Amino acid sequence: MAVSITVLASGSNGNCTLVSTSATRLLVDAGLSCREIIRRMKLCGEDPCSIDGILITHEHADHVAGLHVLAKKLKVPVYMTGATHDTYRRWARDSNGNKVTLERLEYFSSGRCFQIGDVLVKPFTIPHDAIDPVGFTFEAEGVRIGIATDLGYIPESIKYHLRRTDMLLLEANHDLDMLKVGPYPWSVKQRVMSRVGHLSNLVMSDYLLQDLDACTSRLILGHLSEQNNHPEIVRMIATQSLEQRGLATSLAIAEQGRPSEVFCF
């Protein structure tokens, strides 16, 4: 069986990604409703009852909106940092307005590896305006997958963690010119462009030109802004960067409205 990644949704209206091996299935974030996550899994031929755990990158609603209901329905552990959980439980409410409790909660710390089934999980700190945001790498069966979205820039520490990835999900949130003339209030534009905001196409391109590992055979670009970016702009910029490097990396763009194909290695 191959190691695979499937992006069930990516964008400001909800994020969820499935990482699978022959023995373990993990969801990264649960930013859609429980019903929608299950529906999209079934569209991809995946059994929701096969999920072994849900890992949370940070507490923003587009990453945890369906978490409580999904974790309760599937009866699976939820993995997050202690600081992220403290912030989440202060505002999270059920449909009746009551505070929620995650029945099976497992804490992890950024920079410290842990094992789920046959998957070695390595969380690393990312620069974003959340309490304790992280990205992940996953290693199993000799394959390494990286996930790095919701970050304002790419420091050397993240470049280090993303080395030797066979498959990488990376943010390409906004086109700077589109953002500057777009509908967002100036305060929101400043947040998005800040070092704790989101990656622009330009920063993504610079990373591909200078730092993307030549062994990365599959690149998935995600968390595109629906107002301040366009998939074809992202595709054009990324393709030019990969061609300039002479890399044979296969490129895909993750969408908000439907799941991606299953990318196997």
C-alpha atoms as a PDB file:
ATOM      1  CA  MET A   1       0.000   0.000   0.000  1.00  0.00           C
ATOM      2  CA  ALA A   2       1.187   3.503  -0.843  1.00  0.00           C
ATOM      3  CA  VAL A   3       1.516   6.462   1.472  1.00  0.00           C
ATOM      4  CA  SER A   4      -0.898   9.173   0.324  1.00  0.00           C
ATOM      5  CA  ILE A   5      -2.231  12.648   0.982  1.00  0.00           C
ATOM      6  CA  THR A   6      -5.692  13.907   0.054  1.00  0.00           C
ATOM      7  CA  VAL A   7      -6.678  17.535   0.594  1.00  0.00           C
ATOM      8  CA  LEU A   8     -10.369  17.423   1.486  1.00  0.00           C
ATOM      9  CA  ALA A   9     -10.612  21.229   1.646  1.00  0.00           C
ATOM     10  CA  SER A  10      -8.176  24.135   1.645  1.00  0.00           C
ATOM     11  CA  GLY A  11      -8.971  27.817   2.086  1.00  0.00           C
ATOM     12  CA  SER A  12     -10.314  30.423   4.461  1.00  0.00           C
ATOM     13  CA  ASN A  13     -13.708  28.669   4.673  1.00  0.00           C
ATOM     14  CA  GLY A  14     -12.333  25.405   6.004  1.00  0.00           C
ATOM     15  CA  ASN A  15      -9.288  23.147   5.957  1.00  0.00           C
ATOM     16  CA  CYS A  16      -8.920  19.392   6.282  1.00  0.00           C
ATOM     17  CA  THR A  17      -6.310  16.981   4.914  1.00  0.00           C
ATOM     18  CA  LEU A  18      -6.103  13.194   5.045  1.00  0.00           C
ATOM     19  CA  VAL A  19      -2.730  11.478   5.403  1.00  0.00           C
ATOM     20  CA  SER A  20      -2.850   7.708   4.896  1.00  0.00           C
ATOM     21  CA  THR A  21      -0.536   4.720   5.082  1.00  0.00           C
ATOM     22  CA  SER A  22      -1.236   1.020   4.806  1.00  0.00           C
ATOM     23  CA  ALA A  23      -1.984   0.922   8.540  1.00  0.00           C
ATOM     24  CA  THR A  24      -2.883   4.440   9.710  1.00  0.00           C
ATOM     25  CA  ARG A  25      -5.194   7.254   8.647  1.00  0.00           C
ATOM     26  CA  LEU A  26      -4.885  10.743  10.102  1.00  0.00           C
ATOM     27  CA  LEU A  27      -6.856  13.932   9.571  1.00  0.00           C
ATOM     28  CA  VAL A  28      -4.990  17.217   9.803  1.00  0.00           C
ATOM     29  CA  ASP A  29      -7.484  19.874  10.965  1.00  0.00           C
ATOM     30  CA  ALA A  30     -11.270  19.729  10.902  1.00  0.00           C
ATOM     31  CA  GLY A  31     -12.379  23.104   9.594  1.00  0.00           C
ATOM     32  CA  LEU A  32     -15.512  21.889   7.801  1.00  0.00           C
ATOM     33  CA  SER A  33     -18.644  20.545   9.433  1.00  0.00           C
ATOM     34  CA  CYS A  34     -18.572  16.932  10.552  1.00  0.00           C
ATOM     35  CA  ARG A  35     -21.150  16.037   7.901  1.00  0.00           C
ATOM     36  CA  GLU A  36     -19.138  17.673   5.115  1.00  0.00           C
ATOM     37  CA  ILE A  37     -15.849  16.067   6.138  1.00  0.00           C
ATOM     38  CA  ILE A  38     -17.495  12.643   6.156  1.00  0.00           C
ATOM     39  CA  ARG A  39     -19.170  13.325   2.807  1.00  0.00           C
ATOM     40  CA  ARG A  40     -15.865  14.319   1.209  1.00  0.00           C
ATOM     41  CA  MET A  41     -14.073  11.312   2.641  1.00  0.00           C
ATOM     42  CA  LYS A  42     -16.666   9.021   1.133  1.00  0.00           C
ATOM     43  CA  LEU A  43     -16.304  10.817  -2.215  1.00  0.00           C
ATOM     44  CA  CYS A  44     -12.634   9.814  -2.102  1.00  0.00           C
ATOM     45  CA  GLY A  45     -13.496   6.217  -1.273  1.00  0.00           C
ATOM     46  CA  GLU A  46     -12.354   6.530   2.342  1.00  0.00           C
ATOM     47  CA  ASP A  47     -14.185   5.094   5.337  1.00  0.00           C
ATOM     48  CA  PRO A  48     -14.466   7.772   8.073  1.00  0.00           C
ATOM     49  CA  CYS A  49     -14.503   5.013  10.688  1.00  0.00           C
ATOM     50  CA  SER A  50     -10.943   4.124   9.676  1.00  0.00           C
ATOM     51  CA  ILE A  51      -9.556   7.413  11.038  1.00  0.00           C
ATOM     52  CA  ASP A  52      -7.022   6.898  13.833  1.00  0.00           C
ATOM     53  CA  GLY A  53      -6.694  10.488  15.001  1.00  0.00           C
ATOM     54  CA  ILE A  54      -7.192  14.188  14.266  1.00  0.00           C
ATOM     55  CA  LEU A  55      -4.233  16.556  14.471  1.00  0.00           C
ATOM     56  CA  ILE A  56      -4.799  20.294  14.866  1.00  0.00           C
ATOM     57  CA  THR A  57      -2.406  22.940  13.554  1.00  0.00           C
ATOM     58  CA  HIS A  58      -3.997  25.882  15.414  1.00  0.00           C
ATOM     59  CA  GLU A  59      -7.255  27.100  16.901  1.00  0.00           C
ATOM     60  CA  HIS A  60      -8.654  29.332  14.136  1.00  0.00           C
ATOM     61  CA  ALA A  61     -12.198  28.423  13.142  1.00  0.00           C
ATOM     62  CA  ASP A  62     -11.319  27.410   9.592  1.00  0.00           C
ATOM     63  CA  HIS A  63      -9.226  24.615  11.126  1.00  0.00           C
ATOM     64  CA  VAL A  64     -11.424  23.458  14.036  1.00  0.00           C
ATOM     65  CA  ALA A  65     -15.055  24.318  13.173  1.00  0.00           C
ATOM     66  CA  GLY A  66     -16.146  20.681  12.951  1.00  0.00           C
ATOM     67  CA  LEU A  67     -13.677  19.238  15.442  1.00  0.00           C
ATOM     68  CA  HIS A  68     -15.855  18.518  18.477  1.00  0.00           C
ATOM     69  CA  VAL A  69     -18.697  16.856  16.578  1.00  0.00           C
ATOM     70  CA  LEU A  70     -16.350  14.868  14.335  1.00  0.00           C
ATOM     71  CA  ALA A  71     -14.153  13.613  17.190  1.00  0.00           C
ATOM     72  CA  LYS A  72     -17.225  12.614  19.198  1.00  0.00           C
ATOM     73  CA  LYS A  73     -18.822  10.807  16.257  1.00  0.00           C
ATOM     74  CA  LEU A  74     -15.676   8.919  15.246  1.00  0.00           C
ATOM     75  CA  LYS A  75     -14.529   8.368  18.856  1.00  0.00           C
ATOM     76  CA  VAL A  76     -10.926   9.152  17.944  1.00  0.00           C
ATOM     77  CA  PRO A  77      -8.206  11.033  19.835  1.00  0.00           C
ATOM     78  CA  VAL A  78      -7.485  14.659  19.070  1.00  0.00           C
ATOM     79  CA  TYR A  79      -3.863  15.820  19.094  1.00  0.00           C
ATOM     80  CA  MET A  80      -2.998  19.472  19.770  1.00  0.00           C
ATOM     81  CA  THR A  81      -0.649  21.563  21.844  1.00  0.00           C
ATOM     82  CA  GLY A  82      -1.693  22.516  25.357  1.00  0.00           C
ATOM     83  CA  ALA A  83      -1.805  26.216  24.524  1.00  0.00           C
ATOM     84  CA  THR A  84      -3.948  25.587  21.449  1.00  0.00           C
ATOM     85  CA  HIS A  85      -6.379  23.527  23.500  1.00  0.00           C
ATOM     86  CA  ASP A  86      -6.604  26.169  26.230  1.00  0.00           C
ATOM     87  CA  THR A  87      -7.546  28.777  23.657  1.00  0.00           C
ATOM     88  CA  TYR A  88      -9.927  26.453  21.798  1.00  0.00           C
ATOM     89  CA  ARG A  89     -11.902  25.449  24.886  1.00  0.00           C
ATOM     90  CA  ARG A  90     -12.427  29.097  25.904  1.00  0.00           C
ATOM     91  CA  TRP A  91     -14.528  29.855  22.851  1.00  0.00           C
ATOM     92  CA  ALA A  92     -15.697  26.518  21.394  1.00  0.00           C
ATOM     93  CA  ARG A  93     -19.418  25.845  21.888  1.00  0.00           C
ATOM     94  CA  ASP A  94     -21.855  23.141  20.833  1.00  0.00           C
ATOM     95  CA  SER A  95     -25.118  23.767  18.994  1.00  0.00           C
ATOM     96  CA  ASN A  96     -26.806  24.655  22.312  1.00  0.00           C
ATOM     97  CA  GLY A  97     -24.179  27.214  23.241  1.00  0.00           C
ATOM     98  CA  ASN A  98     -22.500  25.028  25.864  1.00  0.00           C
ATOM     99  CA  LYS A  99     -18.742  24.704  26.251  1.00  0.00           C
ATOM    100  CA  VAL A 100     -17.390  21.571  24.613  1.00  0.00           C
ATOM    101  CA  THR A 101     -15.092  18.888  25.974  1.00  0.00           C
ATOM    102  CA  LEU A 102     -12.870  16.731  23.814  1.00  0.00           C
ATOM    103  CA  GLU A 103     -13.318  13.223  25.194  1.00  0.00           C
ATOM    104  CA  ARG A 104      -9.982  11.840  23.956  1.00  0.00           C
ATOM    105  CA  LEU A 105      -7.301  14.516  24.026  1.00  0.00           C
ATOM    106  CA  GLU A 106      -3.583  14.022  23.492  1.00  0.00           C
ATOM    107  CA  TYR A 107      -1.097  16.860  23.931  1.00  0.00           C
ATOM    108  CA  PHE A 108       2.076  17.299  21.916  1.00  0.00           C
ATOM    109  CA  SER A 109       4.789  19.945  21.909  1.00  0.00           C
ATOM    110  CA  SER A 110       6.309  21.624  18.888  1.00  0.00           C
ATOM    111  CA  GLY A 111       9.724  20.194  18.106  1.00  0.00           C
ATOM    112  CA  ARG A 112       9.073  16.837  19.793  1.00  0.00           C
ATOM    113  CA  CYS A 113       8.292  13.806  17.631  1.00  0.00           C
ATOM    114  CA  PHE A 114       5.568  11.308  18.468  1.00  0.00           C
ATOM    115  CA  GLN A 115       4.171   8.150  16.919  1.00  0.00           C
ATOM    116  CA  ILE A 116       0.636   7.336  15.765  1.00  0.00           C
ATOM    117  CA  GLY A 117       0.406   3.813  14.392  1.00  0.00           C
ATOM    118  CA  ASP A 118       3.162   3.457  11.813  1.00  0.00           C
ATOM    119  CA  VAL A 119       3.484   7.240  11.304  1.00  0.00           C
ATOM    120  CA  LEU A 120       6.217   9.346  12.885  1.00  0.00           C
ATOM    121  CA  VAL A 121       4.795  12.838  13.405  1.00  0.00           C
ATOM    122  CA  LYS A 122       7.106  15.850  13.680  1.00  0.00           C
ATOM    123  CA  PRO A 123       5.386  19.130  14.604  1.00  0.00           C
ATOM    124  CA  PHE A 124       7.259  22.389  14.083  1.00  0.00           C
ATOM    125  CA  THR A 125       6.466  25.995  14.964  1.00  0.00           C
ATOM    126  CA  ILE A 126       5.175  28.288  12.223  1.00  0.00           C
ATOM    127  CA  PRO A 127       4.842  32.112  12.250  1.00  0.00           C
ATOM    128  CA  HIS A 128       1.097  32.822  12.355  1.00  0.00           C
ATOM    129  CA  ASP A 129      -1.191  34.926  14.546  1.00  0.00           C
ATOM    130  CA  ALA A 130      -2.468  32.009  16.631  1.00  0.00           C
ATOM    131  CA  ILE A 131      -1.439  31.012  20.150  1.00  0.00           C
ATOM    132  CA  ASP A 132       0.859  28.069  19.280  1.00  0.00           C
ATOM    133  CA  PRO A 133       0.568  27.236  15.553  1.00  0.00           C
ATOM    134  CA  VAL A 134       2.397  24.309  13.997  1.00  0.00           C
ATOM    135  CA  GLY A 135       3.101  22.589  10.715  1.00  0.00           C
ATOM    136  CA  PHE A 136       3.804  18.874  10.411  1.00  0.00           C
ATOM    137  CA  THR A 137       5.948  16.332   8.683  1.00  0.00           C
ATOM    138  CA  PHE A 138       4.840  12.700   8.553  1.00  0.00           C
ATOM    139  CA  GLU A 139       7.191   9.792   7.945  1.00  0.00           C
ATOM    140  CA  ALA A 140       6.096   6.231   7.168  1.00  0.00           C
ATOM    141  CA  GLU A 141       7.171   3.417   4.869  1.00  0.00           C
ATOM    142  CA  GLY A 142      10.205   5.430   3.765  1.00  0.00           C
ATOM    143  CA  VAL A 143       8.043   8.362   2.604  1.00  0.00           C
ATOM    144  CA  ARG A 144       8.063  11.891   4.048  1.00  0.00           C
ATOM    145  CA  ILE A 145       5.098  14.294   3.746  1.00  0.00           C
ATOM    146  CA  GLY A 146       5.203  17.975   4.752  1.00  0.00           C
ATOM    147  CA  ILE A 147       2.295  20.320   5.533  1.00  0.00           C
ATOM    148  CA  ALA A 148       2.970  24.036   5.972  1.00  0.00           C
ATOM    149  CA  THR A 149       0.064  26.472   5.593  1.00  0.00           C
ATOM    150  CA  ASP A 150      -1.056  29.564   7.513  1.00  0.00           C
ATOM    151  CA  LEU A 151       2.356  31.154   7.889  1.00  0.00           C
ATOM    152  CA  GLY A 152       3.504  34.698   7.265  1.00  0.00           C
ATOM    153  CA  TYR A 153       6.970  33.857   5.972  1.00  0.00           C
ATOM    154  CA  ILE A 154       9.318  30.871   5.728  1.00  0.00           C
ATOM    155  CA  PRO A 155      12.157  31.077   8.258  1.00  0.00           C
ATOM    156  CA  GLU A 156      15.223  28.864   8.068  1.00  0.00           C
ATOM    157  CA  SER A 157      13.799  26.537  10.708  1.00  0.00           C
ATOM    158  CA  ILE A 158      10.838  25.658   8.480  1.00  0.00           C
ATOM    159  CA  LYS A 159      13.069  25.229   5.440  1.00  0.00           C
ATOM    160  CA  TYR A 160      15.019  22.733   7.517  1.00  0.00           C
ATOM    161  CA  HIS A 161      11.904  20.770   8.497  1.00  0.00           C
ATOM    162  CA  LEU A 162      10.672  20.631   4.904  1.00  0.00           C
ATOM    163  CA  ARG A 163      13.884  19.165   3.513  1.00  0.00           C
ATOM    164  CA  ARG A 164      13.698  15.688   1.982  1.00  0.00           C
ATOM    165  CA  THR A 165       9.916  15.763   1.673  1.00  0.00           C
ATOM    166  CA  ASP A 166       8.532  13.515  -1.041  1.00  0.00           C
ATOM    167  CA  MET A 167       5.157  15.290  -1.016  1.00  0.00           C
ATOM    168  CA  LEU A 168       4.546  18.837   0.230  1.00  0.00           C
ATOM    169  CA  LEU A 169       1.384  20.863   0.884  1.00  0.00           C
ATOM    170  CA  LEU A 170       2.443  24.535   0.935  1.00  0.00           C
ATOM    171  CA  GLU A 171       0.460  27.751   1.206  1.00  0.00           C
ATOM    172  CA  ALA A 172       0.021  30.180  -1.706  1.00  0.00           C
ATOM    173  CA  ASN A 173      -2.572  32.479  -0.198  1.00  0.00           C
ATOM    174  CA  HIS A 174      -2.584  35.773  -2.055  1.00  0.00           C
ATOM    175  CA  ASP A 175      -1.364  37.846  -4.950  1.00  0.00           C
ATOM    176  CA  LEU A 176      -0.004  41.074  -3.454  1.00  0.00           C
ATOM    177  CA  ASP A 177      -1.488  43.337  -6.117  1.00  0.00           C
ATOM    178  CA  MET A 178      -4.905  41.689  -5.894  1.00  0.00           C
ATOM    179  CA  LEU A 179      -4.820  41.943  -2.099  1.00  0.00           C
ATOM    180  CA  LYS A 180      -3.897  45.632  -2.116  1.00  0.00           C
ATOM    181  CA  VAL A 181      -6.797  46.622  -4.405  1.00  0.00           C
ATOM    182  CA  GLY A 182      -9.206  43.992  -3.059  1.00  0.00           C
ATOM    183  CA  PRO A 183     -12.268  44.335  -0.805  1.00  0.00           C
ATOM    184  CA  TYR A 184     -10.617  43.664   2.579  1.00  0.00           C
ATOM    185  CA  PRO A 185     -10.350  46.493   5.141  1.00  0.00           C
ATOM    186  CA  TRP A 186      -6.818  47.876   5.386  1.00  0.00           C
ATOM    187  CA  SER A 187      -6.358  46.378   8.845  1.00  0.00           C
ATOM    188  CA  VAL A 188      -7.081  42.898   7.462  1.00  0.00           C
ATOM    189  CA  LYS A 189      -4.768  43.490   4.495  1.00  0.00           C
ATOM    190  CA  GLN A 190      -1.981  44.421   6.904  1.00  0.00           C
ATOM    191  CA  ARG A 191      -2.597  41.247   8.910  1.00  0.00           C
ATOM    192  CA  VAL A 192      -2.510  39.033   5.815  1.00  0.00           C
ATOM    193  CA  MET A 193       0.711  40.649   4.556  1.00  0.00           C
ATOM    194  CA  SER A 194       2.427  40.552   7.961  1.00  0.00           C
ATOM    195  CA  ARG A 195       5.047  38.065   9.142  1.00  0.00           C
ATOM    196  CA  VAL A 196       2.314  36.274  11.106  1.00  0.00           C
ATOM    197  CA  GLY A 197      -0.219  36.311   8.265  1.00  0.00           C
ATOM    198  CA  HIS A 198      -0.243  34.256   5.077  1.00  0.00           C
ATOM    199  CA  LEU A 199       2.206  33.430   2.299  1.00  0.00           C
ATOM    200  CA  SER A 200       2.020  35.449  -0.894  1.00  0.00           C
ATOM    201  CA  ASN A 201       2.604  34.003  -4.347  1.00  0.00           C
ATOM    202  CA  LEU A 202       5.923  35.863  -4.389  1.00  0.00           C
ATOM    203  CA  VAL A 203       7.197  34.223  -1.193  1.00  0.00           C
ATOM    204  CA  MET A 204       5.989  30.841  -2.419  1.00  0.00           C
ATOM    205  CA  SER A 205       7.844  31.380  -5.695  1.00  0.00           C
ATOM    206  CA  ASP A 206      11.046  32.402  -3.918  1.00  0.00           C
ATOM    207  CA  TYR A 207      10.895  29.213  -1.865  1.00  0.00           C
ATOM    208  CA  LEU A 208      10.482  27.079  -4.977  1.00  0.00           C
ATOM    209  CA  LEU A 209      13.370  28.854  -6.695  1.00  0.00           C
ATOM    210  CA  GLN A 210      15.780  28.699  -3.794  1.00  0.00           C
ATOM    211  CA  ASP A 211      14.810  26.022  -1.285  1.00  0.00           C
ATOM    212  CA  LEU A 212      12.406  23.364  -2.546  1.00  0.00           C
ATOM    213  CA  ASP A 213      14.175  20.043  -2.270  1.00  0.00           C
ATOM    214  CA  ALA A 214      14.811  18.368  -5.610  1.00  0.00           C
ATOM    215  CA  CYS A 215      13.504  15.098  -4.150  1.00  0.00           C
ATOM    216  CA  THR A 216       9.998  16.566  -3.737  1.00  0.00           C
ATOM    217  CA  SER A 217       8.065  14.735  -6.425  1.00  0.00           C
ATOM    218  CA  ARG A 218       4.637  16.182  -5.610  1.00  0.00           C
ATOM    219  CA  LEU A 219       3.881  19.807  -4.683  1.00  0.00           C
ATOM    220  CA  ILE A 220       0.356  20.816  -3.655  1.00  0.00           C
ATOM    221  CA  LEU A 221      -0.334  24.535  -3.255  1.00  0.00           C
ATOM    222  CA  GLY A 222      -3.224  25.413  -0.973  1.00  0.00           C
ATOM    223  CA  HIS A 223      -5.080  27.909   1.195  1.00  0.00           C
ATOM    224  CA  LEU A 224      -5.673  30.178  -1.816  1.00  0.00           C
ATOM    225  CA  SER A 225      -7.722  33.288  -1.088  1.00  0.00           C
ATOM    226  CA  GLU A 226     -10.917  33.353  -3.128  1.00  0.00           C
ATOM    227  CA  GLN A 227     -10.860  37.178  -3.184  1.00  0.00           C
ATOM    228  CA  ASN A 228      -7.148  37.855  -3.531  1.00  0.00           C
ATOM    229  CA  ASN A 229      -5.771  35.082  -5.706  1.00  0.00           C
ATOM    230  CA  HIS A 230      -6.633  32.804  -8.607  1.00  0.00           C
ATOM    231  CA  PRO A 231      -5.639  29.181  -9.213  1.00  0.00           C
ATOM    232  CA  GLU A 232      -4.290  29.923 -12.704  1.00  0.00           C
ATOM    233  CA  ILE A 233      -2.079  32.738 -11.414  1.00  0.00           C
ATOM    234  CA  VAL A 234      -0.689  30.386  -8.784  1.00  0.00           C
ATOM    235  CA  ARG A 235      -0.204  27.615 -11.316  1.00  0.00           C
ATOM    236  CA  MET A 236       1.603  29.917 -13.756  1.00  0.00           C
ATOM    237  CA  ILE A 237       3.980  31.344 -11.135  1.00  0.00           C
ATOM    238  CA  ALA A 238       4.759  27.955  -9.611  1.00  0.00           C
ATOM    239  CA  THR A 239       5.276  26.305 -12.999  1.00  0.00           C
ATOM    240  CA  GLN A 240       7.696  29.029 -14.055  1.00  0.00           C
ATOM    241  CA  SER A 241       9.650  28.634 -10.821  1.00  0.00           C
ATOM    242  CA  LEU A 242       9.858  24.843 -11.126  1.00  0.00           C
ATOM    243  CA  GLU A 243      10.899  25.053 -14.768  1.00  0.00           C
ATOM    244  CA  GLN A 244      13.561  27.636 -13.931  1.00  0.00           C
ATOM    245  CA  ARG A 245      14.971  25.176 -11.382  1.00  0.00           C
ATOM    246  CA  GLY A 246      14.722  22.341 -13.877  1.00  0.00           C
ATOM    247  CA  LEU A 247      12.688  20.276 -11.415  1.00  0.00           C
ATOM    248  CA  ALA A 248      10.355  17.477 -12.465  1.00  0.00           C
ATOM    249  CA  THR A 249       8.091  18.124  -9.462  1.00  0.00           C
ATOM    250  CA  SER A 250       4.427  17.447 -10.216  1.00  0.00           C
ATOM    251  CA  LEU A 251       2.150  20.397  -9.333  1.00  0.00           C
ATOM    252  CA  ALA A 252      -1.447  20.489  -8.074  1.00  0.00           C
ATOM    253  CA  ILE A 253      -3.689  23.231  -6.681  1.00  0.00           C
ATOM    254  CA  ALA A 254      -5.914  22.356  -3.699  1.00  0.00           C
ATOM    255  CA  GLU A 255      -9.451  23.735  -3.754  1.00  0.00           C
ATOM    256  CA  GLN A 256     -11.953  24.948  -1.192  1.00  0.00           C
ATOM    257  CA  GLY A 257     -15.041  23.484  -2.765  1.00  0.00           C
ATOM    258  CA  ARG A 258     -14.048  19.886  -3.450  1.00  0.00           C
ATOM    259  CA  PRO A 259     -11.462  17.304  -2.423  1.00  0.00           C
ATOM    260  CA  SER A 260      -8.290  16.796  -4.397  1.00  0.00           C
ATOM    261  CA  GLU A 261      -7.305  13.567  -6.036  1.00  0.00           C
ATOM    262  CA  VAL A 262      -5.479  11.049  -3.883  1.00  0.00           C
ATOM    263  CA  PHE A 263      -1.754  11.735  -4.255  1.00  0.00           C
ATOM    264  CA  CYS A 264       0.222   8.547  -3.669  1.00  0.00           C
ATOM    265  CA  PHE A 265       3.897   7.833  -3.357  1.00  0.00           C
END
